[in-house]
PDB file of N, CA and C in Angstrom:
ATOM      1  N   MET A   1      -2.266  -6.141  -9.502  1.00  0.00           N
ATOM      2  CA  MET A   1      -1.181  -5.285  -9.748  1.00  0.00           C
ATOM      3  C   MET A   1      -0.597  -5.452 -11.191  1.00  0.00           C
ATOM      4  N   PHE A   2      -0.709  -6.661 -11.666  1.00  0.00           N
ATOM      5  CA  PHE A   2      -0.218  -6.785 -13.085  1.00  0.00           C
ATOM      6  C   PHE A   2      -1.097  -6.151 -14.077  1.00  0.00           C
ATOM      7  N   LYS A   3      -2.431  -6.064 -13.865  1.00  0.00           N
ATOM      8  CA  LYS A   3      -3.247  -5.371 -14.814  1.00  0.00           C
ATOM      9  C   LYS A   3      -3.018  -3.887 -14.696  1.00  0.00           C
ATOM     10  N   ARG A   4      -2.488  -3.402 -13.615  1.00  0.00           N
ATOM     11  CA  ARG A   4      -2.240  -1.960 -13.378  1.00  0.00           C
ATOM     12  C   ARG A   4      -0.770  -1.647 -13.817  1.00  0.00           C
ATOM     13  N   ASN A   5      -0.072  -2.617 -14.392  1.00  0.00           N
ATOM     14  CA  ASN A   5       1.315  -2.439 -14.811  1.00  0.00           C
ATOM     15  C   ASN A   5       2.290  -2.002 -13.673  1.00  0.00           C
ATOM     16  N   ILE A   6       2.012  -2.623 -12.470  1.00  0.00           N
ATOM     17  CA  ILE A   6       2.813  -2.395 -11.293  1.00  0.00           C
ATOM     18  C   ILE A   6       3.813  -3.675 -11.192  1.00  0.00           C
ATOM     19  N   SER A   7       5.014  -3.419 -11.054  1.00  0.00           N
ATOM     20  CA  SER A   7       5.891  -4.574 -11.016  1.00  0.00           C
ATOM     21  C   SER A   7       6.120  -5.135  -9.641  1.00  0.00           C
ATOM     22  N   ALA A   8       6.583  -6.331  -9.451  1.00  0.00           N
ATOM     23  CA  ALA A   8       6.904  -6.950  -8.247  1.00  0.00           C
ATOM     24  C   ALA A   8       7.937  -6.196  -7.456  1.00  0.00           C
ATOM     25  N   ASP A   9       8.935  -5.667  -8.267  1.00  0.00           N
ATOM     26  CA  ASP A   9      10.058  -4.923  -7.659  1.00  0.00           C
ATOM     27  C   ASP A   9       9.588  -3.559  -7.078  1.00  0.00           C
ATOM     28  N   GLU A  10       8.589  -2.949  -7.679  1.00  0.00           N
ATOM     29  CA  GLU A  10       8.008  -1.637  -7.149  1.00  0.00           C
ATOM     30  C   GLU A  10       7.305  -2.038  -5.876  1.00  0.00           C
ATOM     31  N   VAL A  11       6.553  -3.173  -5.846  1.00  0.00           N
ATOM     32  CA  VAL A  11       5.844  -3.516  -4.607  1.00  0.00           C
ATOM     33  C   VAL A  11       6.769  -3.821  -3.472  1.00  0.00           C
ATOM     34  N   LYS A  12       7.832  -4.501  -3.811  1.00  0.00           N
ATOM     35  CA  LYS A  12       8.867  -4.905  -2.786  1.00  0.00           C
ATOM     36  C   LYS A  12       9.489  -3.575  -2.193  1.00  0.00           C
ATOM     37  N   ALA A  13       9.782  -2.705  -3.146  1.00  0.00           N
ATOM     38  CA  ALA A  13      10.379  -1.486  -2.627  1.00  0.00           C
ATOM     39  C   ALA A  13       9.457  -0.595  -1.679  1.00  0.00           C
ATOM     40  N   VAL A  14       8.094  -0.632  -1.976  1.00  0.00           N
ATOM     41  CA  VAL A  14       7.286  -0.014  -1.106  1.00  0.00           C
ATOM     42  C   VAL A  14       7.083  -0.664   0.281  1.00  0.00           C
ATOM     43  N   ILE A  15       6.967  -1.936   0.264  1.00  0.00           N
ATOM     44  CA  ILE A  15       6.857  -2.648   1.596  1.00  0.00           C
ATOM     45  C   ILE A  15       8.129  -2.690   2.341  1.00  0.00           C
ATOM     46  N   THR A  16       9.217  -2.506   1.617  1.00  0.00           N
ATOM     47  CA  THR A  16      10.485  -2.532   2.347  1.00  0.00           C
ATOM     48  C   THR A  16      10.825  -1.164   3.064  1.00  0.00           C
ATOM     49  N   ILE A  17      10.597  -0.096   2.298  1.00  0.00           N
ATOM     50  CA  ILE A  17      11.118   1.276   2.713  1.00  0.00           C
ATOM     51  C   ILE A  17       9.888   2.338   2.811  1.00  0.00           C
ATOM     52  N   GLY A  18       8.656   1.899   2.419  1.00  0.00           N
ATOM     53  CA  GLY A  18       7.593   2.766   2.393  1.00  0.00           C
ATOM     54  C   GLY A  18       7.134   3.185   3.868  1.00  0.00           C
ATOM     55  N   GLU A  19       5.993   4.028   3.787  1.00  0.00           N
ATOM     56  CA  GLU A  19       5.598   4.474   5.185  1.00  0.00           C
ATOM     57  C   GLU A  19       4.146   3.880   5.330  1.00  0.00           C
ATOM     58  N   ILE A  20       3.862   3.377   6.501  1.00  0.00           N
ATOM     59  CA  ILE A  20       2.535   2.836   6.861  1.00  0.00           C
ATOM     60  C   ILE A  20       1.697   4.137   7.040  1.00  0.00           C
ATOM     61  N   ILE A  21       0.614   4.332   6.334  1.00  0.00           N
ATOM     62  CA  ILE A  21      -0.221   5.502   6.486  1.00  0.00           C
ATOM     63  C   ILE A  21      -1.554   5.203   7.075  1.00  0.00           C
ATOM     64  N   LYS A  22      -1.867   3.803   7.073  1.00  0.00           N
ATOM     65  CA  LYS A  22      -3.187   3.472   7.727  1.00  0.00           C
ATOM     66  C   LYS A  22      -3.027   1.992   8.156  1.00  0.00           C
ATOM     67  N   SER A  23      -3.543   1.637   9.311  1.00  0.00           N
ATOM     68  CA  SER A  23      -3.524   0.271   9.832  1.00  0.00           C
ATOM     69  C   SER A  23      -4.961  -0.159   9.971  1.00  0.00           C
ATOM     70  N   TYR A  24      -5.082  -1.524   9.608  1.00  0.00           N
ATOM     71  CA  TYR A  24      -6.454  -2.152   9.790  1.00  0.00           C
ATOM     72  C   TYR A  24      -6.279  -3.322  10.686  1.00  0.00           C
ATOM     73  N   PRO A  25      -6.173  -3.006  11.997  1.00  0.00           N
ATOM     74  CA  PRO A  25      -5.907  -4.115  12.929  1.00  0.00           C
ATOM     75  C   PRO A  25      -6.985  -5.193  13.115  1.00  0.00           C
ATOM     76  N   GLU A  26      -8.217  -4.936  12.620  1.00  0.00           N
ATOM     77  CA  GLU A  26      -9.287  -5.858  12.823  1.00  0.00           C
ATOM     78  C   GLU A  26      -9.390  -6.781  11.527  1.00  0.00           C
ATOM     79  N   ASP A  27      -8.630  -6.529  10.441  1.00  0.00           N
ATOM     80  CA  ASP A  27      -8.704  -7.326   9.225  1.00  0.00           C
ATOM     81  C   ASP A  27      -8.455  -8.771   9.566  1.00  0.00           C
ATOM     82  N   GLU A  28      -9.046  -9.694   8.973  1.00  0.00           N
ATOM     83  CA  GLU A  28      -8.910 -11.110   9.043  1.00  0.00           C
ATOM     84  C   GLU A  28      -8.478 -11.790   7.760  1.00  0.00           C
ATOM     85  N   PRO A  29      -7.573 -12.739   7.846  1.00  0.00           N
ATOM     86  CA  PRO A  29      -7.033 -13.459   9.027  1.00  0.00           C
ATOM     87  C   PRO A  29      -5.949 -12.814   9.722  1.00  0.00           C
ATOM     88  N   TYR A  30      -5.401 -11.697   9.069  1.00  0.00           N
ATOM     89  CA  TYR A  30      -4.222 -10.928   9.654  1.00  0.00           C
ATOM     90  C   TYR A  30      -4.454  -9.522   9.576  1.00  0.00           C
ATOM     91  N   PRO A  31      -3.976  -8.679  10.517  1.00  0.00           N
ATOM     92  CA  PRO A  31      -4.039  -7.259  10.359  1.00  0.00           C
ATOM     93  C   PRO A  31      -3.442  -6.878   9.041  1.00  0.00           C
ATOM     94  N   SER A  32      -3.890  -5.691   8.543  1.00  0.00           N
ATOM     95  CA  SER A  32      -3.288  -5.207   7.245  1.00  0.00           C
ATOM     96  C   SER A  32      -2.882  -3.831   7.374  1.00  0.00           C
ATOM     97  N   TYR A  33      -2.200  -3.361   6.372  1.00  0.00           N
ATOM     98  CA  TYR A  33      -1.559  -1.977   6.431  1.00  0.00           C
ATOM     99  C   TYR A  33      -1.615  -1.358   5.068  1.00  0.00           C
ATOM    100  N   LEU A  34      -1.900  -0.137   4.896  1.00  0.00           N
ATOM    101  CA  LEU A  34      -1.795   0.626   3.614  1.00  0.00           C
ATOM    102  C   LEU A  34      -0.419   1.358   3.725  1.00  0.00           C
ATOM    103  N   VAL A  35       0.405   1.018   2.719  1.00  0.00           N
ATOM    104  CA  VAL A  35       1.780   1.495   2.816  1.00  0.00           C
ATOM    105  C   VAL A  35       1.948   2.413   1.481  1.00  0.00           C
ATOM    106  N   LEU A  36       2.601   3.504   1.791  1.00  0.00           N
ATOM    107  CA  LEU A  36       2.933   4.439   0.621  1.00  0.00           C
ATOM    108  C   LEU A  36       4.413   4.484   0.391  1.00  0.00           C
ATOM    109  N   GLY A  37       4.695   4.468  -0.846  1.00  0.00           N
ATOM    110  CA  GLY A  37       6.147   4.590  -1.369  1.00  0.00           C
ATOM    111  C   GLY A  37       6.134   5.322  -2.601  1.00  0.00           C
ATOM    112  N   PHE A  38       7.336   5.612  -3.051  1.00  0.00           N
ATOM    113  CA  PHE A  38       7.587   6.279  -4.323  1.00  0.00           C
ATOM    114  C   PHE A  38       8.562   5.694  -5.247  1.00  0.00           C
ATOM    115  N   PRO A  39       8.414   4.424  -5.609  1.00  0.00           N
ATOM    116  CA  PRO A  39       9.489   3.788  -6.489  1.00  0.00           C
ATOM    117  C   PRO A  39       9.382   4.574  -7.787  1.00  0.00           C
ATOM    118  N   ASN A  40      10.462   4.720  -8.425  1.00  0.00           N
ATOM    119  CA  ASN A  40      10.630   5.533  -9.727  1.00  0.00           C
ATOM    120  C   ASN A  40      10.043   6.847  -9.582  1.00  0.00           C
ATOM    121  N   LEU A  41       9.991   7.430  -8.286  1.00  0.00           N
ATOM    122  CA  LEU A  41       9.555   8.811  -8.039  1.00  0.00           C
ATOM    123  C   LEU A  41       8.052   8.825  -8.342  1.00  0.00           C
ATOM    124  N   GLN A  42       7.320   7.862  -8.371  1.00  0.00           N
ATOM    125  CA  GLN A  42       5.852   7.849  -8.531  1.00  0.00           C
ATOM    126  C   GLN A  42       5.224   7.249  -7.345  1.00  0.00           C
ATOM    127  N   PRO A  43       4.084   7.984  -6.838  1.00  0.00           N
ATOM    128  CA  PRO A  43       3.358   7.335  -5.771  1.00  0.00           C
ATOM    129  C   PRO A  43       2.827   5.968  -5.896  1.00  0.00           C
ATOM    130  N   LEU A  44       2.910   5.109  -4.985  1.00  0.00           N
ATOM    131  CA  LEU A  44       2.370   3.825  -5.016  1.00  0.00           C
ATOM    132  C   LEU A  44       1.758   3.427  -3.685  1.00  0.00           C
ATOM    133  N   HIS A  45       0.501   2.909  -3.655  1.00  0.00           N
ATOM    134  CA  HIS A  45      -0.057   2.388  -2.464  1.00  0.00           C
ATOM    135  C   HIS A  45      -0.020   0.838  -2.580  1.00  0.00           C
ATOM    136  N   VAL A  46       0.288   0.250  -1.443  1.00  0.00           N
ATOM    137  CA  VAL A  46       0.330  -1.290  -1.413  1.00  0.00           C
ATOM    138  C   VAL A  46      -0.474  -1.564   0.014  1.00  0.00           C
ATOM    139  N   VAL A  47      -1.477  -2.475  -0.151  1.00  0.00           N
ATOM    140  CA  VAL A  47      -2.080  -3.021   0.981  1.00  0.00           C
ATOM    141  C   VAL A  47      -1.507  -4.337   1.238  1.00  0.00           C
ATOM    142  N   VAL A  48      -0.902  -4.509   2.429  1.00  0.00           N
ATOM    143  CA  VAL A  48      -0.301  -5.757   2.839  1.00  0.00           C
ATOM    144  C   VAL A  48      -0.729  -6.337   4.164  1.00  0.00           C
ATOM    145  N   SER A  49      -0.727  -7.667   4.273  1.00  0.00           N
ATOM    146  CA  SER A  49      -0.956  -8.192   5.724  1.00  0.00           C
ATOM    147  C   SER A  49       0.225  -9.007   6.013  1.00  0.00           C
ATOM    148  N   GLN A  50       0.407  -9.371   7.359  1.00  0.00           N
ATOM    149  CA  GLN A  50       1.455 -10.220   7.692  1.00  0.00           C
ATOM    150  C   GLN A  50       0.996 -11.058   8.790  1.00  0.00           C
ATOM    151  N   ASN A  51       1.465 -12.348   8.696  1.00  0.00           N
ATOM    152  CA  ASN A  51       1.174 -13.383   9.595  1.00  0.00           C
ATOM    153  C   ASN A  51       2.343 -13.168  10.666  1.00  0.00           C
ATOM    154  N   ASP A  52       1.945 -12.692  11.909  1.00  0.00           N
ATOM    155  CA  ASP A  52       2.840 -12.400  12.854  1.00  0.00           C
ATOM    156  C   ASP A  52       3.628 -13.664  13.423  1.00  0.00           C
ATOM    157  N   VAL A  53       3.112 -14.925  13.135  1.00  0.00           N
ATOM    158  CA  VAL A  53       3.826 -16.097  13.605  1.00  0.00           C
ATOM    159  C   VAL A  53       5.030 -16.428  12.714  1.00  0.00           C
ATOM    160  N   ASP A  54       4.798 -16.520  11.431  1.00  0.00           N
ATOM    161  CA  ASP A  54       5.912 -16.840  10.452  1.00  0.00           C
ATOM    162  C   ASP A  54       6.415 -15.692   9.566  1.00  0.00           C
ATOM    163  N   LYS A  55       5.843 -14.503   9.903  1.00  0.00           N
ATOM    164  CA  LYS A  55       6.276 -13.283   9.220  1.00  0.00           C
ATOM    165  C   LYS A  55       6.146 -13.329   7.695  1.00  0.00           C
ATOM    166  N   ILE A  56       5.233 -14.211   7.205  1.00  0.00           N
ATOM    167  CA  ILE A  56       4.914 -14.159   5.701  1.00  0.00           C
ATOM    168  C   ILE A  56       3.961 -13.015   5.401  1.00  0.00           C
ATOM    169  N   CYS A  57       4.315 -12.152   4.292  1.00  0.00           N
ATOM    170  CA  CYS A  57       3.512 -11.069   3.938  1.00  0.00           C
ATOM    171  C   CYS A  57       2.649 -11.541   2.757  1.00  0.00           C
ATOM    172  N   TYR A  58       1.401 -10.962   2.777  1.00  0.00           N
ATOM    173  CA  TYR A  58       0.484 -11.194   1.741  1.00  0.00           C
ATOM    174  C   TYR A  58       0.113  -9.818   1.057  1.00  0.00           C
ATOM    175  N   ILE A  59       0.263  -9.756  -0.150  1.00  0.00           N
ATOM    176  CA  ILE A  59      -0.090  -8.560  -0.866  1.00  0.00           C
ATOM    177  C   ILE A  59      -1.566  -8.517  -1.226  1.00  0.00           C
ATOM    178  N   ILE A  60      -2.363  -7.640  -0.773  1.00  0.00           N
ATOM    179  CA  ILE A  60      -3.806  -7.594  -0.974  1.00  0.00           C
ATOM    180  C   ILE A  60      -4.006  -6.888  -2.330  1.00  0.00           C
ATOM    181  N   THR A  61      -3.462  -5.726  -2.501  1.00  0.00           N
ATOM    182  CA  THR A  61      -3.570  -4.981  -3.737  1.00  0.00           C
ATOM    183  C   THR A  61      -2.544  -3.784  -3.836  1.00  0.00           C
ATOM    184  N   ALA A  62      -2.349  -3.365  -5.079  1.00  0.00           N
ATOM    185  CA  ALA A  62      -1.385  -2.276  -5.192  1.00  0.00           C
ATOM    186  C   ALA A  62      -1.937  -1.414  -6.221  1.00  0.00           C
ATOM    187  N   TYR A  63      -1.869  -0.100  -6.061  1.00  0.00           N
ATOM    188  CA  TYR A  63      -2.351   0.869  -7.112  1.00  0.00           C
ATOM    189  C   TYR A  63      -1.671   2.173  -6.942  1.00  0.00           C
ATOM    190  N   ARG A  64      -1.784   2.912  -7.998  1.00  0.00           N
ATOM    191  CA  ARG A  64      -1.245   4.267  -8.040  1.00  0.00           C
ATOM    192  C   ARG A  64      -2.264   5.270  -7.656  1.00  0.00           C
ATOM    193  N   PRO A  65      -2.178   5.958  -6.529  1.00  0.00           N
ATOM    194  CA  PRO A  65      -3.129   6.948  -6.086  1.00  0.00           C
ATOM    195  C   PRO A  65      -3.093   8.107  -6.856  1.00  0.00           C
ATOM    196  N   THR A  66      -4.210   8.867  -7.078  1.00  0.00           N
ATOM    197  CA  THR A  66      -4.344  10.055  -7.763  1.00  0.00           C
ATOM    198  C   THR A  66      -4.774  11.151  -6.772  1.00  0.00           C
ATOM    199  N   THR A  67      -4.449  12.436  -7.212  1.00  0.00           N
ATOM    200  CA  THR A  67      -4.866  13.598  -6.327  1.00  0.00           C
ATOM    201  C   THR A  67      -6.395  13.813  -6.463  1.00  0.00           C
ATOM    202  N   GLU A  68      -7.087  13.178  -7.455  1.00  0.00           N
ATOM    203  CA  GLU A  68      -8.539  13.205  -7.547  1.00  0.00           C
ATOM    204  C   GLU A  68      -9.144  12.551  -6.195  1.00  0.00           C
ATOM    205  N   LEU A  69      -8.566  11.536  -5.772  1.00  0.00           N
ATOM    206  CA  LEU A  69      -9.071  10.620  -4.700  1.00  0.00           C
ATOM    207  C   LEU A  69      -8.275  10.884  -3.354  1.00  0.00           C
ATOM    208  N   TRP A  70      -7.013  11.338  -3.492  1.00  0.00           N
ATOM    209  CA  TRP A  70      -6.076  11.445  -2.349  1.00  0.00           C
ATOM    210  C   TRP A  70      -5.638  12.886  -2.201  1.00  0.00           C
ATOM    211  N   SER A  71      -5.137  13.214  -0.981  1.00  0.00           N
ATOM    212  CA  SER A  71      -4.514  14.480  -0.699  1.00  0.00           C
ATOM    213  C   SER A  71      -3.241  14.615  -1.548  1.00  0.00           C
ATOM    214  N   ASN A  72      -2.573  15.757  -1.649  1.00  0.00           N
ATOM    215  CA  ASN A  72      -1.507  16.034  -2.529  1.00  0.00           C
ATOM    216  C   ASN A  72      -0.309  15.230  -2.041  1.00  0.00           C
ATOM    217  N   ASP A  73      -0.343  14.812  -0.718  1.00  0.00           N
ATOM    218  CA  ASP A  73       0.859  13.933  -0.221  1.00  0.00           C
ATOM    219  C   ASP A  73       0.543  12.450  -0.397  1.00  0.00           C
ATOM    220  N   PHE A  74      -0.674  12.106  -0.808  1.00  0.00           N
ATOM    221  CA  PHE A  74      -1.209  10.672  -1.046  1.00  0.00           C
ATOM    222  C   PHE A  74      -1.382   9.967   0.302  1.00  0.00           C
ATOM    223  N   LYS A  75      -1.459  10.732   1.482  1.00  0.00           N
ATOM    224  CA  LYS A  75      -1.615   9.983   2.659  1.00  0.00           C
ATOM    225  C   LYS A  75      -3.024  10.037   3.284  1.00  0.00           C
ATOM    226  N   GLN A  76      -3.901  10.754   2.756  1.00  0.00           N
ATOM    227  CA  GLN A  76      -5.270  10.870   3.252  1.00  0.00           C
ATOM    228  C   GLN A  76      -6.178  10.979   2.054  1.00  0.00           C
ATOM    229  N   LYS A  77      -7.319  10.224   2.194  1.00  0.00           N
ATOM    230  CA  LYS A  77      -8.342  10.347   1.134  1.00  0.00           C
ATOM    231  C   LYS A  77      -8.992  11.676   1.215  1.00  0.00           C
ATOM    232  N   ASN A  78      -9.339  12.294   0.110  1.00  0.00           N
ATOM    233  CA  ASN A  78     -10.056  13.464   0.077  1.00  0.00           C
ATOM    234  C   ASN A  78     -11.442  13.297   0.731  1.00  0.00           C
ATOM    235  N   LYS A  79     -11.859  14.303   1.493  1.00  0.00           N
ATOM    236  CA  LYS A  79     -13.094  14.215   2.297  1.00  0.00           C
ATOM    237  C   LYS A  79     -14.344  13.907   1.406  1.00  0.00           C
ATOM    238  N   GLN A  80     -14.494  14.370   0.226  1.00  0.00           N
ATOM    239  CA  GLN A  80     -15.634  14.054  -0.587  1.00  0.00           C
ATOM    240  C   GLN A  80     -15.756  12.686  -0.991  1.00  0.00           C
ATOM    241  N   GLN A  81     -14.782  11.839  -0.852  1.00  0.00           N
ATOM    242  CA  GLN A  81     -14.710  10.518  -1.240  1.00  0.00           C
ATOM    243  C   GLN A  81     -15.343   9.542  -0.090  1.00  0.00           C
TER     244      GLN A  81
END
């Protein structure tokens, strides 16, 4: 996320008030989620997992989706991808 110039505050905002757009319940060691948010009015995807026992969140990755790869609302990957 730092190489992509995405701040920790932006990531926190997305995981706090963003929308889960995809679940990966089979991920190990913990289930993970793709979360969409719009900090600073720009789309941001964050993949996060959470240990259900102690509620610790682990940030897997964060990136700014583009309409080249994602639908106009950034919730679905384009079919050709």
